[in-house]
Amino acid sequence: MKAILGNLSDTDIRLLRIFMAVARCGGLSAAELELNIGRSTISRHLKDLELRLGMTLCHRGRAGFALTQEGSQIVEASQRLLSSIEDFRNQVNDLHRSMQGSLSVAIFDKTVSNQACHIHQAIADYLEQAPDVYINIHIVPVNKIEKGVLDGRYQIGIIPTHRPSTSLEYLPLFGEQMYLYCGRQHPLFTQAESITPDVIAQQRYAGLNFHSPNMEISHQLNLNKVATANDQEGVATFIKSGAFIGFLPEHYARSFVHDGEMRRIPSPQYEYFCEFAALWRKSPKPTRLVEHFLDALQKRHNYS
């Protein structure tokens, strides 16, 4: 039987990149600015790709944009393909000893306000050595960072460590203190006397919805989790509503506490410390672009 799809051409790769941009943006209109081409042209390119692949990738029209089941699978396959192409390009540049190409770094959210975090300084140092490298920063939940590094979507991830993988290498960077908070409208906000574990266990708790130190601690403490968020800003929103308690990094919550919008619930039992690390795949061997960025991170943090 003849294969539906023969050799991939440069045109096929270009069409896949357009499709990935549309999927990432959630529709044709939203992708216009990123792609700098008109919606009708994007639509035509999508149709060409669908004809080339022999399947419908997405529904688009008045009802809105939605990927088909096949479209979702093509997104994942395309991501692996495009990551492999970028890896190849970077490895060829390595052979030429050229510091050119792109570097994708995924970071867990709300680290920039941590005074112990010097990622921004490491970037400045790195660009002094490699001014032609195009850096992409992605703010992503921990589980997606780990998966993205393993499948090649990101070359480096920076996360709070919680369950090391034998397929990844780790470089300790900095720490982050986590405390339990309540909002101004919460009943515990004005409670002067000691707040017992029994009282805390009765409160609605909002936590992160993926495997992380946050999830592990909430299970250990048997907190009453009735709401979840995929990042810490979501948790902060729940806390500010006055209906929930939740853990936040001290550096991120500081401004809310200063403005009287939150209060830390004082109890050594309800606090924990996160250690952040950079991670990358053991195999294949990291390129010079990755190694130089890891060196910059290590020199700026020197954490132990």
C-alpha atoms as a PDB file:
ATOM      1  CA  MET A   1       0.000   0.000   0.000  1.00  0.00           C
ATOM      2  CA  LYS A   2       1.320   3.431  -0.909  1.00  0.00           C
ATOM      3  CA  ALA A   3       1.922   5.738   2.049  1.00  0.00           C
ATOM      4  CA  ILE A   4      -0.493   8.673   2.289  1.00  0.00           C
ATOM      5  CA  LEU A   5       2.395  10.972   3.241  1.00  0.00           C
ATOM      6  CA  GLY A   6       5.700  10.675   1.405  1.00  0.00           C
ATOM      7  CA  ASN A   7       8.852  12.659   2.088  1.00  0.00           C
ATOM      8  CA  LEU A   8       8.423  15.854   4.078  1.00  0.00           C
ATOM      9  CA  SER A   9       9.321  19.011   2.178  1.00  0.00           C
ATOM     10  CA  ASP A  10      10.242  22.490   3.383  1.00  0.00           C
ATOM     11  CA  THR A  11       6.697  23.502   2.479  1.00  0.00           C
ATOM     12  CA  ASP A  12       5.295  20.776   4.748  1.00  0.00           C
ATOM     13  CA  ILE A  13       7.447  22.006   7.629  1.00  0.00           C
ATOM     14  CA  ARG A  14       6.263  25.574   7.037  1.00  0.00           C
ATOM     15  CA  LEU A  15       2.609  24.455   7.028  1.00  0.00           C
ATOM     16  CA  LEU A  16       3.155  22.535  10.266  1.00  0.00           C
ATOM     17  CA  ARG A  17       4.680  25.614  11.897  1.00  0.00           C
ATOM     18  CA  ILE A  18       1.630  27.654  10.861  1.00  0.00           C
ATOM     19  CA  PHE A  19      -0.707  24.992  12.220  1.00  0.00           C
ATOM     20  CA  MET A  20       1.233  24.892  15.498  1.00  0.00           C
ATOM     21  CA  ALA A  21       0.949  28.680  15.834  1.00  0.00           C
ATOM     22  CA  VAL A  22      -2.815  28.523  15.265  1.00  0.00           C
ATOM     23  CA  ALA A  23      -3.191  25.719  17.816  1.00  0.00           C
ATOM     24  CA  ARG A  24      -1.024  27.601  20.335  1.00  0.00           C
ATOM     25  CA  CYS A  25      -2.983  30.832  19.886  1.00  0.00           C
ATOM     26  CA  GLY A  26      -6.360  29.094  19.952  1.00  0.00           C
ATOM     27  CA  GLY A  27      -7.645  30.262  16.582  1.00  0.00           C
ATOM     28  CA  LEU A  28      -6.950  31.939  13.271  1.00  0.00           C
ATOM     29  CA  SER A  29      -7.684  35.505  14.367  1.00  0.00           C
ATOM     30  CA  ALA A  30      -5.379  35.247  17.380  1.00  0.00           C
ATOM     31  CA  ALA A  31      -2.618  33.798  15.192  1.00  0.00           C
ATOM     32  CA  GLU A  32      -2.674  36.673  12.676  1.00  0.00           C
ATOM     33  CA  LEU A  33      -0.390  38.903  14.734  1.00  0.00           C
ATOM     34  CA  GLU A  34       2.065  36.143  15.588  1.00  0.00           C
ATOM     35  CA  LEU A  35       2.319  34.918  11.992  1.00  0.00           C
ATOM     36  CA  ASN A  36       1.996  38.378  10.401  1.00  0.00           C
ATOM     37  CA  ILE A  37      -0.263  37.006   7.662  1.00  0.00           C
ATOM     38  CA  GLY A  38      -3.994  37.442   7.058  1.00  0.00           C
ATOM     39  CA  ARG A  39      -6.689  35.088   8.301  1.00  0.00           C
ATOM     40  CA  SER A  40      -7.718  34.042   4.786  1.00  0.00           C
ATOM     41  CA  THR A  41      -4.108  33.080   3.998  1.00  0.00           C
ATOM     42  CA  ILE A  42      -3.832  31.135   7.260  1.00  0.00           C
ATOM     43  CA  SER A  43      -7.069  29.326   6.419  1.00  0.00           C
ATOM     44  CA  ARG A  44      -5.744  28.404   2.992  1.00  0.00           C
ATOM     45  CA  HIS A  45      -2.510  27.071   4.478  1.00  0.00           C
ATOM     46  CA  LEU A  46      -4.459  24.952   6.973  1.00  0.00           C
ATOM     47  CA  LYS A  47      -6.560  23.537   4.158  1.00  0.00           C
ATOM     48  CA  ASP A  48      -3.393  22.713   2.195  1.00  0.00           C
ATOM     49  CA  LEU A  49      -1.984  20.894   5.225  1.00  0.00           C
ATOM     50  CA  GLU A  50      -5.214  18.955   5.756  1.00  0.00           C
ATOM     51  CA  LEU A  51      -5.180  17.874   2.111  1.00  0.00           C
ATOM     52  CA  ARG A  52      -1.536  16.887   2.418  1.00  0.00           C
ATOM     53  CA  LEU A  53      -2.176  14.804   5.553  1.00  0.00           C
ATOM     54  CA  GLY A  54      -5.561  13.479   4.452  1.00  0.00           C
ATOM     55  CA  MET A  55      -7.401  14.475   7.629  1.00  0.00           C
ATOM     56  CA  THR A  56      -9.307  17.323   9.280  1.00  0.00           C
ATOM     57  CA  LEU A  57      -7.133  19.007  11.887  1.00  0.00           C
ATOM     58  CA  CYS A  58      -9.491  21.583  13.350  1.00  0.00           C
ATOM     59  CA  HIS A  59     -12.978  23.007  13.226  1.00  0.00           C
ATOM     60  CA  ARG A  60     -13.078  26.726  12.469  1.00  0.00           C
ATOM     61  CA  GLY A  61     -16.036  29.003  11.895  1.00  0.00           C
ATOM     62  CA  ARG A  62     -18.787  30.814  13.750  1.00  0.00           C
ATOM     63  CA  ALA A  63     -18.880  28.149  16.452  1.00  0.00           C
ATOM     64  CA  GLY A  64     -15.242  28.900  17.240  1.00  0.00           C
ATOM     65  CA  PHE A  65     -11.949  27.074  16.911  1.00  0.00           C
ATOM     66  CA  ALA A  66     -11.379  23.524  18.148  1.00  0.00           C
ATOM     67  CA  LEU A  67      -8.817  20.860  17.369  1.00  0.00           C
ATOM     68  CA  THR A  68     -10.084  17.491  16.219  1.00  0.00           C
ATOM     69  CA  GLN A  69      -8.768  14.344  17.888  1.00  0.00           C
ATOM     70  CA  GLU A  70      -6.446  13.860  14.930  1.00  0.00           C
ATOM     71  CA  GLY A  71      -5.427  17.520  15.146  1.00  0.00           C
ATOM     72  CA  SER A  72      -4.389  17.112  18.791  1.00  0.00           C
ATOM     73  CA  GLN A  73      -2.238  14.133  17.860  1.00  0.00           C
ATOM     74  CA  ILE A  74      -0.665  16.061  14.972  1.00  0.00           C
ATOM     75  CA  VAL A  75       0.156  18.906  17.404  1.00  0.00           C
ATOM     76  CA  GLU A  76       2.096  16.478  19.614  1.00  0.00           C
ATOM     77  CA  ALA A  77       3.827  14.813  16.652  1.00  0.00           C
ATOM     78  CA  SER A  78       4.685  18.201  15.123  1.00  0.00           C
ATOM     79  CA  GLN A  79       6.163  19.408  18.397  1.00  0.00           C
ATOM     80  CA  ARG A  80       8.459  16.379  18.508  1.00  0.00           C
ATOM     81  CA  LEU A  81       9.411  16.865  14.850  1.00  0.00           C
ATOM     82  CA  LEU A  82      10.131  20.598  15.166  1.00  0.00           C
ATOM     83  CA  SER A  83      12.102  20.026  18.372  1.00  0.00           C
ATOM     84  CA  SER A  84      14.195  17.408  16.569  1.00  0.00           C
ATOM     85  CA  ILE A  85      14.859  19.830  13.723  1.00  0.00           C
ATOM     86  CA  GLU A  86      15.961  22.494  16.197  1.00  0.00           C
ATOM     87  CA  ASP A  87      18.171  19.964  18.007  1.00  0.00           C
ATOM     88  CA  PHE A  88      19.772  19.058  14.683  1.00  0.00           C
ATOM     89  CA  ARG A  89      20.371  22.713  13.831  1.00  0.00           C
ATOM     90  CA  ASN A  90      21.953  23.359  17.223  1.00  0.00           C
ATOM     91  CA  GLN A  91      24.166  20.279  16.964  1.00  0.00           C
ATOM     92  CA  VAL A  92      25.379  21.335  13.508  1.00  0.00           C
ATOM     93  CA  ASN A  93      26.193  24.773  14.935  1.00  0.00           C
ATOM     94  CA  ASP A  94      28.055  22.953  17.713  1.00  0.00           C
ATOM     95  CA  LEU A  95      30.231  21.197  15.153  1.00  0.00           C
ATOM     96  CA  HIS A  96      31.061  24.591  13.671  1.00  0.00           C
ATOM     97  CA  ARG A  97      31.653  25.926  17.212  1.00  0.00           C
ATOM     98  CA  SER A  98      28.985  28.518  16.482  1.00  0.00           C
ATOM     99  CA  MET A  99      26.940  30.064  19.302  1.00  0.00           C
ATOM    100  CA  GLN A 100      23.828  30.495  17.186  1.00  0.00           C
ATOM    101  CA  GLY A 101      20.353  29.011  17.233  1.00  0.00           C
ATOM    102  CA  SER A 102      17.528  29.091  19.753  1.00  0.00           C
ATOM    103  CA  LEU A 103      17.246  28.108  23.394  1.00  0.00           C
ATOM    104  CA  SER A 104      13.911  27.186  25.003  1.00  0.00           C
ATOM    105  CA  VAL A 105      13.777  27.530  28.786  1.00  0.00           C
ATOM    106  CA  ALA A 106      10.695  26.585  30.825  1.00  0.00           C
ATOM    107  CA  ILE A 107      10.310  28.122  34.301  1.00  0.00           C
ATOM    108  CA  PHE A 108       7.786  27.516  37.056  1.00  0.00           C
ATOM    109  CA  ASP A 109       5.763  30.651  37.772  1.00  0.00           C
ATOM    110  CA  LYS A 110       6.375  33.461  40.258  1.00  0.00           C
ATOM    111  CA  THR A 111      10.160  33.143  40.562  1.00  0.00           C
ATOM    112  CA  VAL A 112      11.169  36.616  39.388  1.00  0.00           C
ATOM    113  CA  SER A 113      10.245  38.270  42.712  1.00  0.00           C
ATOM    114  CA  ASN A 114      12.413  35.803  44.656  1.00  0.00           C
ATOM    115  CA  GLN A 115      15.576  37.658  45.686  1.00  0.00           C
ATOM    116  CA  ALA A 116      17.467  34.363  45.681  1.00  0.00           C
ATOM    117  CA  CYS A 117      16.593  33.825  42.012  1.00  0.00           C
ATOM    118  CA  HIS A 118      19.151  35.275  39.592  1.00  0.00           C
ATOM    119  CA  ILE A 119      17.906  33.830  36.307  1.00  0.00           C
ATOM    120  CA  HIS A 120      17.659  37.326  34.812  1.00  0.00           C
ATOM    121  CA  GLN A 121      21.331  37.992  35.579  1.00  0.00           C
ATOM    122  CA  ALA A 122      22.329  34.629  34.111  1.00  0.00           C
ATOM    123  CA  ILE A 123      20.520  35.569  30.910  1.00  0.00           C
ATOM    124  CA  ALA A 124      22.442  38.839  30.708  1.00  0.00           C
ATOM    125  CA  ASP A 125      25.744  37.004  31.243  1.00  0.00           C
ATOM    126  CA  TYR A 126      24.810  34.400  28.655  1.00  0.00           C
ATOM    127  CA  LEU A 127      23.950  36.954  25.988  1.00  0.00           C
ATOM    128  CA  GLU A 128      27.350  38.582  26.415  1.00  0.00           C
ATOM    129  CA  GLN A 129      28.854  35.300  25.213  1.00  0.00           C
ATOM    130  CA  ALA A 130      26.112  34.374  22.746  1.00  0.00           C
ATOM    131  CA  PRO A 131      24.394  37.556  21.508  1.00  0.00           C
ATOM    132  CA  ASP A 132      22.921  35.807  18.454  1.00  0.00           C
ATOM    133  CA  VAL A 133      21.026  33.126  20.375  1.00  0.00           C
ATOM    134  CA  TYR A 134      17.223  33.504  20.336  1.00  0.00           C
ATOM    135  CA  ILE A 135      15.890  32.708  23.827  1.00  0.00           C
ATOM    136  CA  ASN A 136      12.318  31.555  24.449  1.00  0.00           C
ATOM    137  CA  ILE A 137      11.024  31.582  28.032  1.00  0.00           C
ATOM    138  CA  HIS A 138       7.904  29.555  28.817  1.00  0.00           C
ATOM    139  CA  ILE A 139       6.071  29.835  32.152  1.00  0.00           C
ATOM    140  CA  VAL A 140       4.619  26.363  32.620  1.00  0.00           C
ATOM    141  CA  PRO A 141       3.380  24.052  35.435  1.00  0.00           C
ATOM    142  CA  VAL A 142       5.959  21.661  36.892  1.00  0.00           C
ATOM    143  CA  ASN A 143       4.581  18.492  35.296  1.00  0.00           C
ATOM    144  CA  LYS A 144       4.529  20.071  31.828  1.00  0.00           C
ATOM    145  CA  ILE A 145       8.088  21.334  32.271  1.00  0.00           C
ATOM    146  CA  GLU A 146       9.351  17.848  33.102  1.00  0.00           C
ATOM    147  CA  LYS A 147       7.468  16.288  30.187  1.00  0.00           C
ATOM    148  CA  GLY A 148       8.547  19.077  27.833  1.00  0.00           C
ATOM    149  CA  VAL A 149      12.225  18.647  28.708  1.00  0.00           C
ATOM    150  CA  LEU A 150      12.009  14.882  28.254  1.00  0.00           C
ATOM    151  CA  ASP A 151      10.362  15.131  24.835  1.00  0.00           C
ATOM    152  CA  GLY A 152      12.700  17.914  23.664  1.00  0.00           C
ATOM    153  CA  ARG A 153      10.211  20.771  23.640  1.00  0.00           C
ATOM    154  CA  TYR A 154      12.334  22.662  26.181  1.00  0.00           C
ATOM    155  CA  GLN A 155      16.098  22.341  26.469  1.00  0.00           C
ATOM    156  CA  ILE A 156      16.209  23.494  30.096  1.00  0.00           C
ATOM    157  CA  GLY A 157      13.580  23.529  32.831  1.00  0.00           C
ATOM    158  CA  ILE A 158      13.649  25.324  36.189  1.00  0.00           C
ATOM    159  CA  ILE A 159      11.334  23.829  38.799  1.00  0.00           C
ATOM    160  CA  PRO A 160      10.912  23.106  42.516  1.00  0.00           C
ATOM    161  CA  THR A 161      12.378  19.627  42.882  1.00  0.00           C
ATOM    162  CA  HIS A 162      10.083  16.920  44.219  1.00  0.00           C
ATOM    163  CA  ARG A 163      10.539  13.575  42.413  1.00  0.00           C
ATOM    164  CA  PRO A 164      13.825  13.209  40.520  1.00  0.00           C
ATOM    165  CA  SER A 165      13.773  11.373  37.186  1.00  0.00           C
ATOM    166  CA  THR A 166      16.590   9.021  36.201  1.00  0.00           C
ATOM    167  CA  SER A 167      16.353  10.452  32.658  1.00  0.00           C
ATOM    168  CA  LEU A 168      17.178  13.994  33.766  1.00  0.00           C
ATOM    169  CA  GLU A 169      20.174  15.842  35.187  1.00  0.00           C
ATOM    170  CA  TYR A 170      19.692  18.446  37.946  1.00  0.00           C
ATOM    171  CA  LEU A 171      21.570  21.594  38.979  1.00  0.00           C
ATOM    172  CA  PRO A 172      20.477  23.116  42.342  1.00  0.00           C
ATOM    173  CA  LEU A 173      19.874  26.867  41.999  1.00  0.00           C
ATOM    174  CA  PHE A 174      17.962  28.586  44.820  1.00  0.00           C
ATOM    175  CA  GLY A 175      15.309  28.117  47.484  1.00  0.00           C
ATOM    176  CA  GLU A 176      11.836  29.434  48.208  1.00  0.00           C
ATOM    177  CA  GLN A 177       9.974  29.676  51.531  1.00  0.00           C
ATOM    178  CA  MET A 178       6.278  28.732  51.439  1.00  0.00           C
ATOM    179  CA  TYR A 179       3.714  29.831  54.047  1.00  0.00           C
ATOM    180  CA  LEU A 180      -0.011  29.269  54.507  1.00  0.00           C
ATOM    181  CA  TYR A 181      -2.140  32.405  53.970  1.00  0.00           C
ATOM    182  CA  CYS A 182      -5.714  33.585  54.309  1.00  0.00           C
ATOM    183  CA  GLY A 183      -7.414  36.657  52.808  1.00  0.00           C
ATOM    184  CA  ARG A 184      -8.775  39.761  54.541  1.00  0.00           C
ATOM    185  CA  GLN A 185     -12.366  38.505  54.366  1.00  0.00           C
ATOM    186  CA  HIS A 186     -11.489  35.082  55.780  1.00  0.00           C
ATOM    187  CA  PRO A 187     -12.652  34.262  59.360  1.00  0.00           C
ATOM    188  CA  LEU A 188      -9.072  33.441  60.407  1.00  0.00           C
ATOM    189  CA  PHE A 189      -7.751  36.841  59.336  1.00  0.00           C
ATOM    190  CA  THR A 190      -8.698  38.583  62.593  1.00  0.00           C
ATOM    191  CA  GLN A 191      -8.388  35.576  64.891  1.00  0.00           C
ATOM    192  CA  ALA A 192      -5.876  36.618  67.534  1.00  0.00           C
ATOM    193  CA  GLU A 193      -5.598  33.388  69.499  1.00  0.00           C
ATOM    194  CA  SER A 194      -3.574  30.381  68.393  1.00  0.00           C
ATOM    195  CA  ILE A 195      -5.046  28.672  65.337  1.00  0.00           C
ATOM    196  CA  THR A 196      -5.079  24.947  65.976  1.00  0.00           C
ATOM    197  CA  PRO A 197      -4.619  22.187  63.356  1.00  0.00           C
ATOM    198  CA  ASP A 198      -8.236  21.157  63.905  1.00  0.00           C
ATOM    199  CA  VAL A 199      -9.429  24.634  62.940  1.00  0.00           C
ATOM    200  CA  ILE A 200      -7.183  24.734  59.882  1.00  0.00           C
ATOM    201  CA  ALA A 201      -8.370  21.294  58.774  1.00  0.00           C
ATOM    202  CA  GLN A 202     -11.930  22.632  58.653  1.00  0.00           C
ATOM    203  CA  GLN A 203     -11.081  25.480  56.246  1.00  0.00           C
ATOM    204  CA  ARG A 204     -11.493  25.333  52.487  1.00  0.00           C
ATOM    205  CA  TYR A 205      -8.051  24.872  50.956  1.00  0.00           C
ATOM    206  CA  ALA A 206      -6.974  25.811  47.412  1.00  0.00           C
ATOM    207  CA  GLY A 207      -3.877  24.170  45.954  1.00  0.00           C
ATOM    208  CA  LEU A 208      -2.064  23.406  42.728  1.00  0.00           C
ATOM    209  CA  ASN A 209      -3.650  20.763  40.524  1.00  0.00           C
ATOM    210  CA  PHE A 210      -0.503  18.874  39.486  1.00  0.00           C
ATOM    211  CA  HIS A 211       2.090  16.760  41.241  1.00  0.00           C
ATOM    212  CA  SER A 212       4.377  19.172  43.083  1.00  0.00           C
ATOM    213  CA  PRO A 213       5.671  19.937  46.597  1.00  0.00           C
ATOM    214  CA  ASN A 214       2.425  21.900  47.074  1.00  0.00           C
ATOM    215  CA  MET A 215       0.324  18.805  46.373  1.00  0.00           C
ATOM    216  CA  GLU A 216       2.526  16.552  48.491  1.00  0.00           C
ATOM    217  CA  ILE A 217       2.402  18.864  51.530  1.00  0.00           C
ATOM    218  CA  SER A 218      -1.373  19.353  51.309  1.00  0.00           C
ATOM    219  CA  HIS A 219      -1.821  15.560  51.356  1.00  0.00           C
ATOM    220  CA  GLN A 220       0.576  15.137  54.273  1.00  0.00           C
ATOM    221  CA  LEU A 221      -1.269  17.794  56.292  1.00  0.00           C
ATOM    222  CA  ASN A 222      -4.676  16.402  55.316  1.00  0.00           C
ATOM    223  CA  LEU A 223      -5.936  19.808  54.237  1.00  0.00           C
ATOM    224  CA  ASN A 224      -9.503  20.158  52.964  1.00  0.00           C
ATOM    225  CA  LYS A 225      -8.733  20.715  49.277  1.00  0.00           C
ATOM    226  CA  VAL A 226     -11.903  21.847  47.502  1.00  0.00           C
ATOM    227  CA  ALA A 227     -10.404  24.087  44.794  1.00  0.00           C
ATOM    228  CA  THR A 228      -7.388  23.894  42.487  1.00  0.00           C
ATOM    229  CA  ALA A 229      -5.412  26.137  40.136  1.00  0.00           C
ATOM    230  CA  ASN A 230      -2.691  25.485  37.573  1.00  0.00           C
ATOM    231  CA  ASP A 231      -0.438  28.285  38.854  1.00  0.00           C
ATOM    232  CA  GLN A 232       0.216  30.292  41.999  1.00  0.00           C
ATOM    233  CA  GLU A 233      -1.617  33.371  40.757  1.00  0.00           C
ATOM    234  CA  GLY A 234      -4.740  31.213  40.689  1.00  0.00           C
ATOM    235  CA  VAL A 235      -4.097  30.162  44.284  1.00  0.00           C
ATOM    236  CA  ALA A 236      -3.601  33.826  45.265  1.00  0.00           C
ATOM    237  CA  THR A 237      -6.931  34.697  43.639  1.00  0.00           C
ATOM    238  CA  PHE A 238      -8.671  32.025  45.695  1.00  0.00           C
ATOM    239  CA  ILE A 239      -7.019  33.330  48.883  1.00  0.00           C
ATOM    240  CA  LYS A 240      -7.992  36.945  48.150  1.00  0.00           C
ATOM    241  CA  SER A 241     -11.624  35.854  47.752  1.00  0.00           C
ATOM    242  CA  GLY A 242     -11.711  35.271  51.502  1.00  0.00           C
ATOM    243  CA  ALA A 243     -13.179  31.798  51.059  1.00  0.00           C
ATOM    244  CA  PHE A 244      -9.955  29.766  51.004  1.00  0.00           C
ATOM    245  CA  ILE A 245      -6.581  29.277  52.623  1.00  0.00           C
ATOM    246  CA  GLY A 246      -3.560  28.317  50.535  1.00  0.00           C
ATOM    247  CA  PHE A 247       0.222  28.162  50.286  1.00  0.00           C
ATOM    248  CA  LEU A 248       2.161  30.899  48.491  1.00  0.00           C
ATOM    249  CA  PRO A 249       5.858  31.803  48.215  1.00  0.00           C
ATOM    250  CA  GLU A 250       6.751  34.371  50.877  1.00  0.00           C
ATOM    251  CA  HIS A 251       8.336  36.715  48.337  1.00  0.00           C
ATOM    252  CA  TYR A 252       5.204  36.661  46.134  1.00  0.00           C
ATOM    253  CA  ALA A 253       2.756  37.122  49.029  1.00  0.00           C
ATOM    254  CA  ARG A 254       4.773  39.927  50.624  1.00  0.00           C
ATOM    255  CA  SER A 255       3.022  42.763  48.776  1.00  0.00           C
ATOM    256  CA  PHE A 256      -0.435  41.330  49.568  1.00  0.00           C
ATOM    257  CA  VAL A 257       0.479  41.118  53.248  1.00  0.00           C
ATOM    258  CA  HIS A 258       1.897  44.659  53.198  1.00  0.00           C
ATOM    259  CA  ASP A 259      -1.355  45.983  51.696  1.00  0.00           C
ATOM    260  CA  GLY A 260      -3.452  44.162  54.289  1.00  0.00           C
ATOM    261  CA  GLU A 261      -5.044  41.833  51.757  1.00  0.00           C
ATOM    262  CA  MET A 262      -3.579  38.637  53.213  1.00  0.00           C
ATOM    263  CA  ARG A 263      -2.272  37.315  56.487  1.00  0.00           C
ATOM    264  CA  ARG A 264       0.168  34.507  57.095  1.00  0.00           C
ATOM    265  CA  ILE A 265      -1.234  31.759  59.315  1.00  0.00           C
ATOM    266  CA  PRO A 266       1.634  31.384  61.857  1.00  0.00           C
ATOM    267  CA  SER A 267       2.487  27.763  62.533  1.00  0.00           C
ATOM    268  CA  PRO A 268       5.745  25.893  61.814  1.00  0.00           C
ATOM    269  CA  GLN A 269       3.600  22.899  60.868  1.00  0.00           C
ATOM    270  CA  TYR A 270       2.077  24.870  57.982  1.00  0.00           C
ATOM    271  CA  GLU A 271       5.168  25.998  56.130  1.00  0.00           C
ATOM    272  CA  TYR A 272       7.736  24.323  53.916  1.00  0.00           C
ATOM    273  CA  PHE A 273      10.818  25.091  51.880  1.00  0.00           C
ATOM    274  CA  CYS A 274      11.197  24.430  48.136  1.00  0.00           C
ATOM    275  CA  GLU A 275      14.525  23.896  46.420  1.00  0.00           C
ATOM    276  CA  PHE A 276      14.635  24.931  42.771  1.00  0.00           C
ATOM    277  CA  ALA A 277      16.880  23.269  40.229  1.00  0.00           C
ATOM    278  CA  ALA A 278      17.623  23.490  36.526  1.00  0.00           C
ATOM    279  CA  LEU A 279      17.032  20.228  34.694  1.00  0.00           C
ATOM    280  CA  TRP A 280      17.922  18.872  31.270  1.00  0.00           C
ATOM    281  CA  ARG A 281      17.953  15.548  29.432  1.00  0.00           C
ATOM    282  CA  LYS A 282      20.814  13.124  30.067  1.00  0.00           C
ATOM    283  CA  SER A 283      20.635  11.970  26.460  1.00  0.00           C
ATOM    284  CA  PRO A 284      21.393  13.290  23.935  1.00  0.00           C
ATOM    285  CA  LYS A 285      24.357  15.196  25.319  1.00  0.00           C
ATOM    286  CA  PRO A 286      23.471  18.895  25.810  1.00  0.00           C
ATOM    287  CA  THR A 287      24.665  21.282  23.118  1.00  0.00           C
ATOM    288  CA  ARG A 288      27.098  24.121  23.747  1.00  0.00           C
ATOM    289  CA  LEU A 289      24.129  26.520  23.852  1.00  0.00           C
ATOM    290  CA  VAL A 290      22.666  24.552  26.757  1.00  0.00           C
ATOM    291  CA  GLU A 291      25.994  24.020  28.525  1.00  0.00           C
ATOM    292  CA  HIS A 292      26.850  27.718  28.430  1.00  0.00           C
ATOM    293  CA  PHE A 293      23.439  28.655  29.839  1.00  0.00           C
ATOM    294  CA  LEU A 294      23.818  26.092  32.640  1.00  0.00           C
ATOM    295  CA  ASP A 295      27.257  27.542  33.403  1.00  0.00           C
ATOM    296  CA  ALA A 296      25.741  31.025  33.602  1.00  0.00           C
ATOM    297  CA  LEU A 297      23.021  29.768  35.967  1.00  0.00           C
ATOM    298  CA  GLN A 298      25.536  28.016  38.196  1.00  0.00           C
ATOM    299  CA  LYS A 299      27.880  31.009  38.434  1.00  0.00           C
ATOM    300  CA  ARG A 300      25.048  33.362  39.372  1.00  0.00           C
ATOM    301  CA  HIS A 301      23.473  31.096  41.994  1.00  0.00           C
ATOM    302  CA  ASN A 302      26.271  28.987  43.483  1.00  0.00           C
ATOM    303  CA  TYR A 303      23.591  27.272  45.604  1.00  0.00           C
ATOM    304  CA  SER A 304      24.275  24.355  47.893  1.00  0.00           C
END
